[in-house]
C-alpha atoms as a PDB file:
ATOM      1  CA  MET A   1      10.693 -23.607 -25.693  1.00  0.00           C
ATOM      2  CA  SER A   2       9.646 -24.954 -22.801  1.00  0.00           C
ATOM      3  CA  ASN A   3       9.838 -28.438 -22.850  1.00  0.00           C
ATOM      4  CA  ILE A   4       6.847 -30.142 -21.067  1.00  0.00           C
ATOM      5  CA  ASP A   5       6.427 -33.588 -19.796  1.00  0.00           C
ATOM      6  CA  GLN A   6       4.525 -35.211 -16.866  1.00  0.00           C
ATOM      7  CA  SER A   7       7.160 -34.841 -14.279  1.00  0.00           C
ATOM      8  CA  ASP A   8       7.044 -32.012 -11.437  1.00  0.00           C
ATOM      9  CA  THR A   9       9.851 -30.049 -13.971  1.00  0.00           C
ATOM     10  CA  LEU A  10       9.316 -27.634 -17.316  1.00  0.00           C
ATOM     11  CA  VAL A  11      12.016 -26.859 -19.181  1.00  0.00           C
ATOM     12  CA  LEU A  12      11.805 -23.105 -18.953  1.00  0.00           C
ATOM     13  CA  GLY A  13      13.864 -21.006 -21.739  1.00  0.00           C
ATOM     14  CA  ASP A  14      16.469 -23.793 -21.816  1.00  0.00           C
ATOM     15  CA  ARG A  15      16.850 -24.832 -17.480  1.00  0.00           C
ATOM     16  CA  PRO A  16      14.306 -26.986 -15.819  1.00  0.00           C
ATOM     17  CA  VAL A  17      12.434 -25.974 -13.282  1.00  0.00           C
ATOM     18  CA  LYS A  18      10.320 -27.353 -10.649  1.00  0.00           C
ATOM     19  CA  ARG A  19       6.892 -26.924 -11.647  1.00  0.00           C
ATOM     20  CA  LEU A  20       5.981 -25.756  -8.055  1.00  0.00           C
ATOM     21  CA  GLY A  21       8.245 -22.146  -7.546  1.00  0.00           C
ATOM     22  CA  TYR A  22       7.592 -18.831  -5.569  1.00  0.00           C
ATOM     23  CA  GLY A  23       6.356 -15.377  -6.339  1.00  0.00           C
ATOM     24  CA  ALA A  24       9.232 -12.358  -4.238  1.00  0.00           C
ATOM     25  CA  MET A  25       5.691  -9.683  -4.454  1.00  0.00           C
ATOM     26  CA  GLN A  26       4.109  -9.922  -0.792  1.00  0.00           C
ATOM     27  CA  LEU A  27       8.043  -9.167   0.164  1.00  0.00           C
ATOM     28  CA  ALA A  28       7.970  -6.072  -0.431  1.00  0.00           C
ATOM     29  CA  GLY A  29       5.417  -3.986   1.680  1.00  0.00           C
ATOM     30  CA  PRO A  30       1.067  -3.356   1.648  1.00  0.00           C
ATOM     31  CA  GLY A  31       0.698  -2.689  -1.354  1.00  0.00           C
ATOM     32  CA  VAL A  32       3.428  -4.037  -2.649  1.00  0.00           C
ATOM     33  CA  PHE A  33       5.522  -0.125  -2.352  1.00  0.00           C
ATOM     34  CA  GLY A  34       8.332   0.239   0.199  1.00  0.00           C
ATOM     35  CA  PRO A  35      10.489  -1.858   2.525  1.00  0.00           C
ATOM     36  CA  PRO A  36       8.732  -4.993   4.602  1.00  0.00           C
ATOM     37  CA  LYS A  37       7.679  -4.873   8.262  1.00  0.00           C
ATOM     38  CA  ASP A  38       9.801  -7.723   8.800  1.00  0.00           C
ATOM     39  CA  ARG A  39      13.309  -7.349   6.642  1.00  0.00           C
ATOM     40  CA  GLN A  40      15.109 -10.297   8.278  1.00  0.00           C
ATOM     41  CA  ALA A  41      11.296 -13.012   8.173  1.00  0.00           C
ATOM     42  CA  ALA A  42      11.619 -11.672   4.549  1.00  0.00           C
ATOM     43  CA  LEU A  43      15.400 -12.755   3.928  1.00  0.00           C
ATOM     44  CA  ALA A  44      14.316 -16.350   6.293  1.00  0.00           C
ATOM     45  CA  VAL A  45      11.184 -16.886   3.772  1.00  0.00           C
ATOM     46  CA  LEU A  46      13.852 -16.876   0.646  1.00  0.00           C
ATOM     47  CA  ARG A  47      16.145 -18.727   1.929  1.00  0.00           C
ATOM     48  CA  GLU A  48      14.005 -21.009   3.051  1.00  0.00           C
ATOM     49  CA  ALA A  49      12.040 -21.710  -0.657  1.00  0.00           C
ATOM     50  CA  VAL A  50      15.406 -23.013  -1.706  1.00  0.00           C
ATOM     51  CA  ALA A  51      16.389 -25.146   1.579  1.00  0.00           C
ATOM     52  CA  THR A  52      13.419 -26.568   0.176  1.00  0.00           C
ATOM     53  CA  GLY A  53      14.184 -27.165  -3.134  1.00  0.00           C
ATOM     54  CA  VAL A  54      12.659 -24.174  -4.868  1.00  0.00           C
ATOM     55  CA  ASN A  55      14.667 -23.236  -7.568  1.00  0.00           C
ATOM     56  CA  HIS A  56      12.117 -20.732 -10.036  1.00  0.00           C
ATOM     57  CA  ILE A  57      11.406 -16.949  -8.424  1.00  0.00           C
ATOM     58  CA  ASP A  58       9.186 -14.508  -9.903  1.00  0.00           C
ATOM     59  CA  THR A  59       9.906 -10.907  -8.909  1.00  0.00           C
ATOM     60  CA  SER A  60      10.322  -7.782 -10.472  1.00  0.00           C
ATOM     61  CA  ASP A  61      11.868  -4.276  -9.705  1.00  0.00           C
ATOM     62  CA  PHE A  62       8.922  -2.125  -9.654  1.00  0.00           C
ATOM     63  CA  TYR A  63       7.987  -4.705  -6.494  1.00  0.00           C
ATOM     64  CA  GLY A  64       8.855  -1.843  -4.124  1.00  0.00           C
ATOM     65  CA  PRO A  65      10.584  -1.203  -5.875  1.00  0.00           C
ATOM     66  CA  HIS A  66      13.516  -2.339  -6.081  1.00  0.00           C
ATOM     67  CA  VAL A  67      12.870  -3.206  -2.254  1.00  0.00           C
ATOM     68  CA  THR A  68      12.046  -6.894  -3.244  1.00  0.00           C
ATOM     69  CA  ASN A  69      15.234  -7.624  -5.708  1.00  0.00           C
ATOM     70  CA  GLN A  70      17.442  -6.046  -3.229  1.00  0.00           C
ATOM     71  CA  ILE A  71      16.098  -8.848  -0.387  1.00  0.00           C
ATOM     72  CA  ILE A  72      16.654 -11.700  -2.986  1.00  0.00           C
ATOM     73  CA  ARG A  73      19.954 -10.638  -3.383  1.00  0.00           C
ATOM     74  CA  GLU A  74      20.839 -10.600   0.369  1.00  0.00           C
ATOM     75  CA  ALA A  75      19.555 -13.664   0.775  1.00  0.00           C
ATOM     76  CA  LEU A  76      20.276 -15.519  -1.474  1.00  0.00           C
ATOM     77  CA  HIS A  77      23.871 -13.810  -3.992  1.00  0.00           C
ATOM     78  CA  PRO A  78      25.758 -15.784  -4.833  1.00  0.00           C
ATOM     79  CA  TYR A  79      23.163 -17.594  -6.217  1.00  0.00           C
ATOM     80  CA  PRO A  80      22.763 -21.888  -6.377  1.00  0.00           C
ATOM     81  CA  ASP A  81      23.420 -22.859  -9.575  1.00  0.00           C
ATOM     82  CA  ASP A  82      20.047 -24.302 -10.384  1.00  0.00           C
ATOM     83  CA  LEU A  83      18.300 -21.017  -9.493  1.00  0.00           C
ATOM     84  CA  VAL A  84      16.258 -19.342 -12.166  1.00  0.00           C
ATOM     85  CA  ILE A  85      14.998 -15.639 -11.198  1.00  0.00           C
ATOM     86  CA  VAL A  86      12.707 -14.379 -13.509  1.00  0.00           C
ATOM     87  CA  THR A  87      11.308 -10.872 -13.571  1.00  0.00           C
ATOM     88  CA  LYS A  88       9.124  -8.954 -15.139  1.00  0.00           C
ATOM     89  CA  ILE A  89       9.138  -4.561 -16.845  1.00  0.00           C
ATOM     90  CA  GLY A  90       6.860  -2.487 -18.013  1.00  0.00           C
ATOM     91  CA  ALA A  91       5.822  -0.752 -15.665  1.00  0.00           C
ATOM     92  CA  ARG A  92       7.033   1.530 -12.759  1.00  0.00           C
ATOM     93  CA  ARG A  93       5.132   3.138  -9.183  1.00  0.00           C
ATOM     94  CA  GLY A  94       4.150   6.535  -8.647  1.00  0.00           C
ATOM     95  CA  GLU A  95       5.322   8.071  -5.399  1.00  0.00           C
ATOM     96  CA  ASP A  96       1.699   8.025  -4.726  1.00  0.00           C
ATOM     97  CA  ALA A  97       1.848   3.903  -5.286  1.00  0.00           C
ATOM     98  CA  SER A  98      -0.187   3.672  -8.146  1.00  0.00           C
ATOM     99  CA  TRP A  99       1.635   1.660 -11.431  1.00  0.00           C
ATOM    100  CA  ILE A 100       2.123   3.481 -14.030  1.00  0.00           C
ATOM    101  CA  PRO A 101       3.130   1.864 -17.950  1.00  0.00           C
ATOM    102  CA  ALA A 102       6.727   2.409 -18.204  1.00  0.00           C
ATOM    103  CA  PHE A 103       7.090   1.461 -22.128  1.00  0.00           C
ATOM    104  CA  SER A 104       8.960   3.890 -23.500  1.00  0.00           C
ATOM    105  CA  ALA A 105      12.666   1.773 -25.383  1.00  0.00           C
ATOM    106  CA  GLU A 106      14.377   3.989 -22.727  1.00  0.00           C
ATOM    107  CA  ASP A 107      11.956   2.858 -19.784  1.00  0.00           C
ATOM    108  CA  LEU A 108      12.058  -0.847 -20.471  1.00  0.00           C
ATOM    109  CA  THR A 109      16.162  -0.363 -21.459  1.00  0.00           C
ATOM    110  CA  LYS A 110      16.248   1.350 -17.984  1.00  0.00           C
ATOM    111  CA  ALA A 111      14.145  -1.538 -16.035  1.00  0.00           C
ATOM    112  CA  VAL A 112      16.191  -4.449 -17.593  1.00  0.00           C
ATOM    113  CA  HIS A 113      19.506  -2.659 -16.450  1.00  0.00           C
ATOM    114  CA  ASP A 114      17.846  -1.709 -12.786  1.00  0.00           C
ATOM    115  CA  ASN A 115      16.885  -5.486 -12.162  1.00  0.00           C
ATOM    116  CA  LEU A 116      20.307  -6.503 -12.930  1.00  0.00           C
ATOM    117  CA  ARG A 117      21.838  -3.852 -10.650  1.00  0.00           C
ATOM    118  CA  ASN A 118      19.016  -4.733  -7.795  1.00  0.00           C
ATOM    119  CA  LEU A 119      19.576  -8.502  -8.266  1.00  0.00           C
ATOM    120  CA  GLY A 120      23.759  -9.074  -8.713  1.00  0.00           C
ATOM    121  CA  LEU A 121      23.450 -10.594 -11.874  1.00  0.00           C
ATOM    122  CA  ASP A 122      24.886  -9.881 -15.524  1.00  0.00           C
ATOM    123  CA  VAL A 123      22.046 -11.379 -17.460  1.00  0.00           C
ATOM    124  CA  LEU A 124      18.826 -11.511 -17.188  1.00  0.00           C
ATOM    125  CA  GLU A 125      17.074 -15.192 -17.426  1.00  0.00           C
ATOM    126  CA  VAL A 126      13.809 -14.621 -18.117  1.00  0.00           C
ATOM    127  CA  VAL A 127      12.913 -11.826 -18.840  1.00  0.00           C
ATOM    128  CA  ASN A 128       8.758 -10.551 -18.679  1.00  0.00           C
ATOM    129  CA  LEU A 129       6.768  -7.329 -20.917  1.00  0.00           C
ATOM    130  CA  ARG A 130       4.259  -6.551 -19.121  1.00  0.00           C
ATOM    131  CA  ALA A 131       1.285  -5.273 -20.983  1.00  0.00           C
ATOM    132  CA  MET A 132      -0.216  -1.920 -18.914  1.00  0.00           C
ATOM    133  CA  PHE A 133      -2.636  -1.085 -21.112  1.00  0.00           C
ATOM    134  CA  ASP A 134      -5.316  -1.970 -18.639  1.00  0.00           C
ATOM    135  CA  VAL A 135      -3.214  -2.827 -14.947  1.00  0.00           C
ATOM    136  CA  HIS A 136      -6.372  -4.781 -14.253  1.00  0.00           C
ATOM    137  CA  GLY A 137      -6.499  -7.353 -17.037  1.00  0.00           C
ATOM    138  CA  PRO A 138      -5.248  -7.684 -20.778  1.00  0.00           C
ATOM    139  CA  ALA A 139      -6.274  -5.398 -23.329  1.00  0.00           C
ATOM    140  CA  GLU A 140      -5.722  -5.713 -26.839  1.00  0.00           C
ATOM    141  CA  GLY A 141      -3.198  -2.941 -27.605  1.00  0.00           C
ATOM    142  CA  PRO A 142       0.273  -3.018 -29.391  1.00  0.00           C
ATOM    143  CA  LEU A 143       3.347  -4.570 -28.097  1.00  0.00           C
ATOM    144  CA  GLU A 144       6.164  -4.964 -31.716  1.00  0.00           C
ATOM    145  CA  GLU A 145       7.798  -2.012 -30.150  1.00  0.00           C
ATOM    146  CA  GLN A 146       8.838  -3.157 -26.758  1.00  0.00           C
ATOM    147  CA  LEU A 147       9.282  -6.309 -28.077  1.00  0.00           C
ATOM    148  CA  ALA A 148      12.015  -5.015 -30.579  1.00  0.00           C
ATOM    149  CA  THR A 149      13.674  -3.145 -27.493  1.00  0.00           C
ATOM    150  CA  LEU A 150      13.460  -6.805 -26.052  1.00  0.00           C
ATOM    151  CA  ALA A 151      15.482  -8.206 -28.710  1.00  0.00           C
ATOM    152  CA  GLU A 152      18.065  -5.885 -29.108  1.00  0.00           C
ATOM    153  CA  LEU A 153      18.444  -5.973 -25.145  1.00  0.00           C
ATOM    154  CA  GLN A 154      18.730 -10.111 -25.572  1.00  0.00           C
ATOM    155  CA  ARG A 155      21.208  -9.282 -29.443  1.00  0.00           C
ATOM    156  CA  LYS A 156      23.425  -7.364 -26.358  1.00  0.00           C
ATOM    157  CA  GLY A 157      22.953 -10.519 -24.094  1.00  0.00           C
ATOM    158  CA  LEU A 158      21.547  -8.821 -21.137  1.00  0.00           C
ATOM    159  CA  ILE A 159      18.513 -11.424 -21.511  1.00  0.00           C
ATOM    160  CA  ARG A 160      18.571 -14.491 -22.594  1.00  0.00           C
ATOM    161  CA  HIS A 161      14.453 -15.496 -23.058  1.00  0.00           C
ATOM    162  CA  ILE A 162      11.432 -13.468 -23.302  1.00  0.00           C
ATOM    163  CA  GLY A 163       7.751 -13.861 -21.376  1.00  0.00           C
ATOM    164  CA  LEU A 164       4.935 -12.063 -21.798  1.00  0.00           C
ATOM    165  CA  SER A 165       1.969 -11.270 -19.289  1.00  0.00           C
ATOM    166  CA  ASN A 166      -0.947  -9.507 -18.702  1.00  0.00           C
ATOM    167  CA  VAL A 167      -1.459  -9.961 -22.741  1.00  0.00           C
ATOM    168  CA  THR A 168      -4.323 -11.012 -24.917  1.00  0.00           C
ATOM    169  CA  ARG A 169      -4.437 -14.426 -27.654  1.00  0.00           C
ATOM    170  CA  LYS A 170      -3.848 -12.101 -30.261  1.00  0.00           C
ATOM    171  CA  GLN A 171      -1.215 -10.534 -28.779  1.00  0.00           C
ATOM    172  CA  ILE A 172       0.825 -13.674 -27.613  1.00  0.00           C
ATOM    173  CA  ALA A 173       0.778 -14.207 -31.464  1.00  0.00           C
ATOM    174  CA  ASP A 174       1.777 -11.535 -32.433  1.00  0.00           C
ATOM    175  CA  ALA A 175       4.769 -11.445 -30.013  1.00  0.00           C
ATOM    176  CA  ARG A 176       6.168 -14.610 -31.762  1.00  0.00           C
ATOM    177  CA  LYS A 177       6.354 -13.357 -34.917  1.00  0.00           C
ATOM    178  CA  ILE A 178       9.021 -11.441 -33.773  1.00  0.00           C
ATOM    179  CA  VAL A 179      10.158 -12.676 -30.424  1.00  0.00           C
ATOM    180  CA  PRO A 180       9.826 -16.731 -29.336  1.00  0.00           C
ATOM    181  CA  ILE A 181       8.391 -16.604 -25.900  1.00  0.00           C
ATOM    182  CA  VAL A 182       9.123 -19.274 -23.617  1.00  0.00           C
ATOM    183  CA  CYS A 183       6.345 -18.357 -20.925  1.00  0.00           C
ATOM    184  CA  VAL A 184       2.903 -15.789 -20.071  1.00  0.00           C
ATOM    185  CA  GLN A 185       1.834 -15.299 -17.057  1.00  0.00           C
ATOM    186  CA  ASN A 186      -1.480 -14.184 -17.125  1.00  0.00           C
ATOM    187  CA  GLN A 187      -4.453 -13.865 -13.872  1.00  0.00           C
ATOM    188  CA  TYR A 188      -6.177 -17.889 -13.325  1.00  0.00           C
ATOM    189  CA  ASN A 189      -7.020 -19.944 -10.901  1.00  0.00           C
ATOM    190  CA  LEU A 190     -10.162 -21.609 -10.077  1.00  0.00           C
ATOM    191  CA  ALA A 191     -12.649 -19.189 -10.002  1.00  0.00           C
ATOM    192  CA  HIS A 192     -10.716 -17.169 -12.551  1.00  0.00           C
ATOM    193  CA  ARG A 193     -10.178 -19.189 -15.784  1.00  0.00           C
ATOM    194  CA  ALA A 194     -10.817 -16.416 -18.992  1.00  0.00           C
ATOM    195  CA  ASP A 195      -7.609 -18.571 -19.966  1.00  0.00           C
ATOM    196  CA  ASP A 196      -9.032 -22.004 -20.288  1.00  0.00           C
ATOM    197  CA  VAL A 197      -8.767 -22.588 -23.789  1.00  0.00           C
ATOM    198  CA  LEU A 198      -5.176 -20.443 -23.472  1.00  0.00           C
ATOM    199  CA  VAL A 199      -3.288 -22.493 -21.473  1.00  0.00           C
ATOM    200  CA  GLU A 200      -4.308 -25.670 -23.494  1.00  0.00           C
ATOM    201  CA  ASP A 201      -2.971 -24.165 -26.749  1.00  0.00           C
ATOM    202  CA  LEU A 202      -0.008 -23.108 -25.087  1.00  0.00           C
ATOM    203  CA  ALA A 203       1.020 -27.033 -23.703  1.00  0.00           C
ATOM    204  CA  ARG A 204       0.440 -27.784 -27.165  1.00  0.00           C
ATOM    205  CA  ASP A 205       2.917 -25.176 -28.407  1.00  0.00           C
ATOM    206  CA  GLY A 206       4.789 -25.672 -25.397  1.00  0.00           C
ATOM    207  CA  ILE A 207       4.510 -22.612 -23.918  1.00  0.00           C
ATOM    208  CA  ALA A 208       4.679 -22.737 -20.125  1.00  0.00           C
ATOM    209  CA  TYR A 209       1.659 -20.626 -18.298  1.00  0.00           C
ATOM    210  CA  VAL A 210       2.227 -19.272 -15.145  1.00  0.00           C
ATOM    211  CA  PRO A 211      -0.656 -17.800 -13.062  1.00  0.00           C
ATOM    212  CA  PHE A 212      -0.374 -14.811 -10.849  1.00  0.00           C
ATOM    213  CA  PHE A 213      -3.052 -14.864  -8.081  1.00  0.00           C
ATOM    214  CA  PRO A 214      -3.043 -18.747  -8.341  1.00  0.00           C
ATOM    215  CA  LEU A 215      -4.699 -18.295  -4.789  1.00  0.00           C
ATOM    216  CA  GLY A 216      -6.990 -15.132  -5.741  1.00  0.00           C
ATOM    217  CA  GLY A 217      -4.990 -12.299  -4.901  1.00  0.00           C
ATOM    218  CA  PHE A 218      -6.356  -9.422  -3.232  1.00  0.00           C
ATOM    219  CA  SER A 219      -9.221 -10.733  -3.145  1.00  0.00           C
ATOM    220  CA  PRO A 220      -8.403 -15.279  -1.747  1.00  0.00           C
ATOM    221  CA  LEU A 221     -10.605 -17.890  -2.603  1.00  0.00           C
ATOM    222  CA  GLN A 222     -14.099 -18.585  -0.780  1.00  0.00           C
ATOM    223  CA  SER A 223     -15.860 -22.083  -1.764  1.00  0.00           C
ATOM    224  CA  SER A 224     -18.011 -24.321  -0.233  1.00  0.00           C
ATOM    225  CA  THR A 225     -17.455 -26.599  -2.150  1.00  0.00           C
ATOM    226  CA  LEU A 226     -13.230 -25.758  -2.134  1.00  0.00           C
ATOM    227  CA  SER A 227     -13.789 -25.749   1.834  1.00  0.00           C
ATOM    228  CA  ASP A 228     -14.933 -28.818   1.354  1.00  0.00           C
ATOM    229  CA  VAL A 229     -13.000 -31.392  -1.188  1.00  0.00           C
ATOM    230  CA  ALA A 230     -10.514 -29.728   1.733  1.00  0.00           C
ATOM    231  CA  ALA A 231     -11.890 -30.636   4.037  1.00  0.00           C
ATOM    232  CA  GLN A 232     -11.923 -34.317   2.658  1.00  0.00           C
ATOM    233  CA  LEU A 233      -8.971 -34.316   2.385  1.00  0.00           C
ATOM    234  CA  GLY A 234      -7.548 -33.762   5.231  1.00  0.00           C
ATOM    235  CA  ALA A 235      -4.718 -30.603   3.426  1.00  0.00           C
ATOM    236  CA  THR A 236      -6.366 -26.881   3.394  1.00  0.00           C
ATOM    237  CA  PRO A 237      -8.504 -24.876   0.713  1.00  0.00           C
ATOM    238  CA  MET A 238      -5.156 -23.408  -0.544  1.00  0.00           C
ATOM    239  CA  GLN A 239      -3.094 -26.251  -0.578  1.00  0.00           C
ATOM    240  CA  VAL A 240      -6.186 -27.853  -2.607  1.00  0.00           C
ATOM    241  CA  ALA A 241      -6.768 -24.859  -5.060  1.00  0.00           C
ATOM    242  CA  LEU A 242      -2.495 -25.309  -5.492  1.00  0.00           C
ATOM    243  CA  ALA A 243      -2.628 -28.506  -6.178  1.00  0.00           C
ATOM    244  CA  TRP A 244      -5.433 -28.210  -9.087  1.00  0.00           C
ATOM    245  CA  LEU A 245      -3.207 -25.877 -10.970  1.00  0.00           C
ATOM    246  CA  LEU A 246      -0.732 -28.476 -10.882  1.00  0.00           C
ATOM    247  CA  HIS A 247      -3.231 -30.794 -12.665  1.00  0.00           C
ATOM    248  CA  ARG A 248      -5.283 -28.701 -14.532  1.00  0.00           C
ATOM    249  CA  ALA A 249      -2.002 -28.929 -17.504  1.00  0.00           C
ATOM    250  CA  PRO A 250       1.322 -30.305 -17.610  1.00  0.00           C
ATOM    251  CA  ASN A 251       2.755 -26.261 -18.723  1.00  0.00           C
ATOM    252  CA  ILE A 252       1.810 -24.232 -15.410  1.00  0.00           C
ATOM    253  CA  LEU A 253       3.787 -23.302 -13.566  1.00  0.00           C
ATOM    254  CA  LEU A 254       3.194 -22.436 -10.178  1.00  0.00           C
ATOM    255  CA  ILE A 255       4.321 -18.831  -7.869  1.00  0.00           C
ATOM    256  CA  PRO A 256       2.641 -18.527  -5.125  1.00  0.00           C
ATOM    257  CA  GLY A 257       3.550 -15.812  -2.850  1.00  0.00           C
ATOM    258  CA  THR A 258       3.726 -15.094   1.022  1.00  0.00           C
ATOM    259  CA  SER A 259       5.618 -13.466   3.865  1.00  0.00           C
ATOM    260  CA  SER A 260       5.991 -15.984   6.180  1.00  0.00           C
ATOM    261  CA  VAL A 261       8.245 -19.277   5.989  1.00  0.00           C
ATOM    262  CA  ALA A 262       4.626 -21.048   7.867  1.00  0.00           C
ATOM    263  CA  HIS A 263       3.227 -20.867   5.190  1.00  0.00           C
ATOM    264  CA  LEU A 264       5.629 -21.286   2.461  1.00  0.00           C
ATOM    265  CA  ARG A 265       5.722 -24.678   3.715  1.00  0.00           C
ATOM    266  CA  GLU A 266       1.970 -25.452   3.338  1.00  0.00           C
ATOM    267  CA  ASN A 267       1.820 -23.515  -0.375  1.00  0.00           C
ATOM    268  CA  LEU A 268       4.944 -26.272  -0.945  1.00  0.00           C
ATOM    269  CA  ALA A 269       3.500 -28.994   0.604  1.00  0.00           C
ATOM    270  CA  ALA A 270       0.068 -28.806  -2.315  1.00  0.00           C
ATOM    271  CA  ALA A 271       3.211 -30.829  -4.429  1.00  0.00           C
ATOM    272  CA  ASP A 272       2.326 -34.110  -3.038  1.00  0.00           C
ATOM    273  CA  LEU A 273      -1.601 -33.943  -2.969  1.00  0.00           C
ATOM    274  CA  VAL A 274      -3.458 -35.983  -5.466  1.00  0.00           C
ATOM    275  CA  LEU A 275      -6.956 -35.114  -6.225  1.00  0.00           C
ATOM    276  CA  PRO A 276      -8.693 -38.247  -7.774  1.00  0.00           C
ATOM    277  CA  ALA A 277     -11.123 -37.347 -10.394  1.00  0.00           C
ATOM    278  CA  GLN A 278     -14.620 -37.208  -8.743  1.00  0.00           C
ATOM    279  CA  VAL A 279     -12.778 -34.541  -6.705  1.00  0.00           C
ATOM    280  CA  LEU A 280     -11.413 -32.388  -9.990  1.00  0.00           C
ATOM    281  CA  THR A 281     -14.702 -32.312 -11.699  1.00  0.00           C
ATOM    282  CA  ALA A 282     -15.968 -30.991  -7.835  1.00  0.00           C
ATOM    283  CA  LEU A 283     -13.715 -28.325  -8.044  1.00  0.00           C
ATOM    284  CA  ASP A 284     -14.078 -27.379 -12.345  1.00  0.00           C
ATOM    285  CA  GLY A 285     -17.364 -26.970 -11.049  1.00  0.00           C
ATOM    286  CA  ILE A 286     -16.731 -23.536  -9.196  1.00  0.00           C
ATOM    287  CA  ALA A 287     -16.662 -21.329 -11.845  1.00  0.00           C
ATOM    288  CA  THR A 288     -17.855 -21.810 -15.599  1.00  0.00           C
ATOM    289  CA  ARG A 289     -15.386 -22.220 -18.275  1.00  0.00           C
ATOM    290  CA  VAL A 290     -14.612 -18.769 -20.727  1.00  0.00           C
ATOM    291  CA  ASP A 291     -12.220 -17.737 -22.668  1.00  0.00           C
ATOM    292  CA  HIS A 292     -10.437 -14.265 -23.699  1.00  0.00           C
ATOM    293  CA  GLY A 293     -11.061 -13.342 -27.026  1.00  0.00           C
END
């Protein structure tokens, strides 16, 4: 389980991480496919992140594919003792850059070994199983066989902890009957709040919630309220959006991604942004609270 407190750290699995981490998806080429335009810039972003205290990096071997993990290894290996690298499996990439479910026991086992090899690790700290019943969002479907495969790889010492991604509340509840779940990764941000109730439920159970697309992803957040608040606070809208997530619940871990050192520094500065009560109220009004079934 993840031990939750009100400080700037959270215990993910059994390793303390700072609540503001880094997501490596943007280190691959356009569409998260192929090599980056500037490999040296990608290496610099990773090194700057770790140098400024980031100790939680989120990645996957299907970013590229293989590209992002190989860049992480080149930039940071041998890894700092406190660095926690979290990866995800459950998909593969087609030659046309499509996202294809890779859910068989053979697929999942191969993905774990690919991540180990490309990251230069003997064991993966956290592996998230990404449900692929719908590429664009959570959809019901059984995960028992896939989790049994991960549990076996865990028994073999290749995985320490297991998480879930792109999942429904039912899938999470069913999964927890099979294996301990240390984190959930779903889309969540100021404007996309389908998991409001889930975030609170997981917080009560000591499970980390890691929103992907915290800044809107491929459709960046646009809101006059957000822009007005940012102007009042002397911050950027994206800094405010990240700060809102940190205020939202103590079990939230952030993994904003960027391929720019300047943008990385801007993102990390959000950790120091204090949002007064009236600002939080205004920001909460951007999206109506709804809940995944």
